[in-house]
N, C-alpha and C. Protein backbone atom coordinates (compact mmCIF):
# COMPACT_ATOMS: atom_id res chain seq x y z
N MET A 1 -12.26 -5.75 11.00
CA MET A 1 -11.26 -6.56 10.35
C MET A 1 -10.32 -5.64 9.56
N GLU A 2 -9.04 -5.69 9.91
CA GLU A 2 -8.08 -4.84 9.22
C GLU A 2 -7.56 -5.52 7.97
N ARG A 3 -7.54 -4.76 6.89
CA ARG A 3 -7.03 -5.29 5.63
C ARG A 3 -5.54 -5.06 5.56
N SER A 4 -4.80 -6.09 5.29
CA SER A 4 -3.36 -5.90 5.12
C SER A 4 -3.00 -6.20 3.67
N PRO A 5 -1.97 -5.51 3.18
CA PRO A 5 -1.59 -5.75 1.79
C PRO A 5 -1.04 -7.16 1.62
N SER A 6 -1.34 -7.76 0.50
CA SER A 6 -0.84 -9.11 0.27
C SER A 6 0.60 -9.05 -0.19
N VAL A 7 1.36 -10.04 0.20
CA VAL A 7 2.77 -10.12 -0.17
C VAL A 7 2.87 -10.52 -1.63
N VAL A 8 3.74 -9.85 -2.34
CA VAL A 8 3.95 -10.14 -3.75
C VAL A 8 5.40 -10.56 -3.94
N ASN A 9 5.60 -11.78 -4.37
CA ASN A 9 6.94 -12.26 -4.65
C ASN A 9 7.13 -12.29 -6.15
N CYS A 10 7.72 -11.23 -6.67
CA CYS A 10 7.88 -11.13 -8.10
C CYS A 10 9.16 -10.36 -8.41
N GLU A 11 10.00 -10.93 -9.22
CA GLU A 11 11.26 -10.27 -9.56
C GLU A 11 11.11 -9.34 -10.76
N HIS A 12 9.89 -9.23 -11.31
CA HIS A 12 9.68 -8.36 -12.46
C HIS A 12 9.63 -6.89 -12.07
N TYR A 13 9.36 -6.61 -10.79
CA TYR A 13 9.27 -5.23 -10.32
C TYR A 13 10.65 -4.78 -9.87
N GLU A 14 11.04 -3.56 -10.27
CA GLU A 14 12.34 -3.04 -9.88
C GLU A 14 12.21 -1.84 -8.96
N ASN A 15 11.35 -0.87 -9.35
CA ASN A 15 11.19 0.34 -8.56
C ASN A 15 9.73 0.53 -8.19
N CYS A 16 9.52 1.04 -6.99
CA CYS A 16 8.17 1.32 -6.49
C CYS A 16 7.52 2.41 -7.34
N LYS A 17 6.25 2.23 -7.68
CA LYS A 17 5.52 3.21 -8.48
C LYS A 17 5.23 4.49 -7.70
N VAL A 18 5.23 4.41 -6.38
CA VAL A 18 4.90 5.57 -5.56
C VAL A 18 6.15 6.38 -5.19
N CYS A 19 7.13 5.72 -4.60
CA CYS A 19 8.31 6.45 -4.11
C CYS A 19 9.54 6.30 -5.00
N GLY A 20 9.53 5.32 -5.90
CA GLY A 20 10.63 5.16 -6.85
C GLY A 20 11.84 4.39 -6.36
N VAL A 21 11.80 3.90 -5.12
CA VAL A 21 12.96 3.17 -4.62
C VAL A 21 12.99 1.74 -5.16
N SER A 22 14.17 1.19 -5.20
CA SER A 22 14.34 -0.20 -5.61
C SER A 22 14.03 -1.08 -4.40
N SER A 23 13.33 -2.16 -4.61
CA SER A 23 12.92 -3.00 -3.49
C SER A 23 12.83 -4.45 -3.92
N THR A 24 12.86 -5.33 -2.92
CA THR A 24 12.61 -6.75 -3.17
C THR A 24 11.42 -7.22 -2.34
N ASP A 25 10.83 -6.29 -1.57
CA ASP A 25 9.72 -6.61 -0.67
C ASP A 25 8.49 -5.85 -1.14
N TRP A 26 7.64 -6.51 -1.93
CA TRP A 26 6.50 -5.87 -2.56
C TRP A 26 5.19 -6.22 -1.89
N ARG A 27 4.24 -5.29 -1.93
CA ARG A 27 2.90 -5.49 -1.39
C ARG A 27 1.88 -5.02 -2.41
N ARG A 28 0.73 -5.70 -2.44
CA ARG A 28 -0.36 -5.28 -3.33
C ARG A 28 -1.36 -4.49 -2.50
N ILE A 29 -1.63 -3.25 -2.93
CA ILE A 29 -2.64 -2.42 -2.27
C ILE A 29 -3.57 -1.90 -3.35
N GLY A 30 -4.84 -1.93 -3.07
CA GLY A 30 -5.80 -1.46 -4.07
C GLY A 30 -5.57 -2.15 -5.39
N LYS A 31 -5.25 -1.37 -6.40
CA LYS A 31 -5.01 -1.93 -7.73
C LYS A 31 -3.54 -1.88 -8.11
N GLY A 32 -2.68 -1.51 -7.16
CA GLY A 32 -1.27 -1.35 -7.50
C GLY A 32 -0.35 -2.19 -6.63
N ILE A 33 0.89 -2.26 -7.04
CA ILE A 33 1.91 -2.98 -6.29
C ILE A 33 2.98 -1.97 -5.91
N VAL A 34 3.26 -1.87 -4.61
CA VAL A 34 4.20 -0.89 -4.09
C VAL A 34 5.16 -1.56 -3.11
N CYS A 35 6.21 -0.81 -2.73
CA CYS A 35 7.16 -1.35 -1.76
C CYS A 35 6.50 -1.43 -0.38
N ARG A 36 7.13 -2.15 0.52
CA ARG A 36 6.55 -2.37 1.84
C ARG A 36 6.35 -1.07 2.61
N ALA A 37 7.31 -0.14 2.51
CA ALA A 37 7.20 1.13 3.24
C ALA A 37 5.96 1.91 2.79
N CYS A 38 5.71 1.97 1.48
CA CYS A 38 4.53 2.68 0.98
C CYS A 38 3.25 1.95 1.37
N ALA A 39 3.28 0.62 1.38
CA ALA A 39 2.10 -0.15 1.79
C ALA A 39 1.78 0.09 3.26
N ASP A 40 2.82 0.16 4.11
CA ASP A 40 2.61 0.42 5.53
C ASP A 40 2.02 1.82 5.73
N CYS A 41 2.53 2.79 4.98
CA CYS A 41 2.02 4.16 5.06
C CYS A 41 0.56 4.20 4.61
N TYR A 42 0.25 3.53 3.52
CA TYR A 42 -1.11 3.47 2.99
C TYR A 42 -2.06 2.90 4.04
N ASN A 43 -1.65 1.82 4.69
CA ASN A 43 -2.51 1.20 5.70
C ASN A 43 -2.71 2.10 6.91
N GLU A 44 -1.65 2.84 7.30
CA GLU A 44 -1.77 3.74 8.44
C GLU A 44 -2.75 4.87 8.12
N VAL A 45 -2.62 5.46 6.95
CA VAL A 45 -3.53 6.54 6.54
C VAL A 45 -4.95 6.01 6.41
N ARG A 46 -5.10 4.83 5.81
CA ARG A 46 -6.43 4.23 5.63
C ARG A 46 -7.10 4.01 6.98
N THR A 47 -6.34 3.55 7.97
CA THR A 47 -6.88 3.33 9.31
C THR A 47 -7.34 4.65 9.92
N LEU A 48 -6.54 5.70 9.77
CA LEU A 48 -6.92 7.01 10.32
C LEU A 48 -8.18 7.53 9.65
N VAL A 49 -8.29 7.34 8.35
CA VAL A 49 -9.48 7.79 7.61
C VAL A 49 -10.72 7.04 8.09
N LEU A 50 -10.59 5.72 8.28
CA LEU A 50 -11.71 4.93 8.78
C LEU A 50 -12.12 5.36 10.18
N GLU A 51 -11.12 5.63 11.05
CA GLU A 51 -11.41 6.06 12.42
C GLU A 51 -12.12 7.41 12.43
N ALA A 52 -11.86 8.23 11.41
CA ALA A 52 -12.51 9.54 11.32
C ALA A 52 -13.91 9.44 10.72
N GLY A 53 -14.31 8.21 10.36
CA GLY A 53 -15.65 8.01 9.83
C GLY A 53 -15.79 8.33 8.36
N ARG A 54 -14.68 8.40 7.64
CA ARG A 54 -14.71 8.71 6.21
C ARG A 54 -14.55 7.43 5.40
N ASP A 55 -14.93 7.49 4.16
CA ASP A 55 -14.79 6.35 3.26
C ASP A 55 -13.43 6.45 2.55
N PRO A 56 -12.53 5.49 2.78
CA PRO A 56 -11.20 5.56 2.16
C PRO A 56 -11.24 5.56 0.63
N ALA A 57 -12.28 5.01 0.05
CA ALA A 57 -12.36 4.94 -1.40
C ALA A 57 -12.59 6.32 -2.02
N THR A 58 -13.20 7.22 -1.25
CA THR A 58 -13.49 8.54 -1.80
C THR A 58 -12.64 9.63 -1.16
N TYR A 59 -11.86 9.29 -0.15
CA TYR A 59 -11.03 10.28 0.54
C TYR A 59 -9.79 10.59 -0.29
N GLN A 60 -9.48 11.88 -0.43
CA GLN A 60 -8.27 12.29 -1.16
C GLN A 60 -7.45 13.22 -0.33
């Protein structure tokens, strides 16, 4: 079962905490809220880590 970031509709966020861009399309990943591009990247890396047999929670 693939985990996808949940959609966040909130006008209180202005800039992404990861990349700093201004966005209106927010996603919740882990404990943070980031723009859609960062969320997509996070999910792609997480999938690769899982396929390699590693635990994404401890992978850095």
